[in-house]
Protein backbone atom coordinates (compact mmCIF):
# COMPACT_ATOMS: atom_id res chain seq x y z
CA MET A 1 12.84 -6.06 6.19
CA PRO A 2 11.95 -4.27 9.45
CA GLN A 3 12.04 -0.51 9.51
CA SER A 4 14.94 1.15 11.27
CA PRO A 5 14.17 3.82 13.90
CA THR A 6 15.31 6.43 11.37
CA ASP A 7 12.71 5.26 8.84
CA VAL A 8 10.00 5.49 11.49
CA GLN A 9 11.15 9.01 12.40
CA ILE A 10 11.06 10.04 8.74
CA ASN A 11 7.57 8.59 8.36
CA MET A 12 6.38 10.61 11.37
CA GLU A 13 7.88 13.76 9.84
CA VAL A 14 6.14 13.00 6.56
CA ILE A 15 2.80 12.70 8.38
CA LYS A 16 3.37 16.03 10.18
CA ILE A 17 4.35 17.80 6.97
CA ASP A 18 1.35 16.30 5.14
CA GLU A 19 -0.93 18.16 7.55
CA HIS A 20 0.51 21.43 6.22
CA SER A 21 1.65 20.84 2.66
CA ALA A 22 1.38 17.89 0.29
CA ILE A 23 4.09 19.50 -1.85
CA SER A 24 6.56 19.41 1.05
CA ARG A 25 5.63 15.80 1.73
CA ASN A 26 6.23 14.83 -1.89
CA TYR A 27 9.59 16.62 -1.84
CA LEU A 28 10.62 14.77 1.31
CA ILE A 29 9.57 11.42 -0.17
CA LYS A 30 11.63 12.08 -3.30
CA TYR A 31 14.58 13.07 -1.11
CA CYS A 32 14.27 9.88 0.96
CA ILE A 33 14.05 7.74 -2.18
CA THR A 34 17.20 9.43 -3.49
CA LEU A 35 19.03 8.61 -0.25
CA LYS A 36 17.90 4.98 -0.39
CA ASN A 37 19.03 4.66 -4.01
CA LYS A 38 22.52 5.89 -3.06
CA ASN A 39 22.93 3.13 -0.44
């Protein structure tokens, strides 16, 4: 399944956050997984 533009944007944000804080990245990943599980 190809990634939607939104997924790509989120991945870029994850990479940016990872440069500053792995904790923030992990939080964002958990948040994204929660959103995907709702759909």
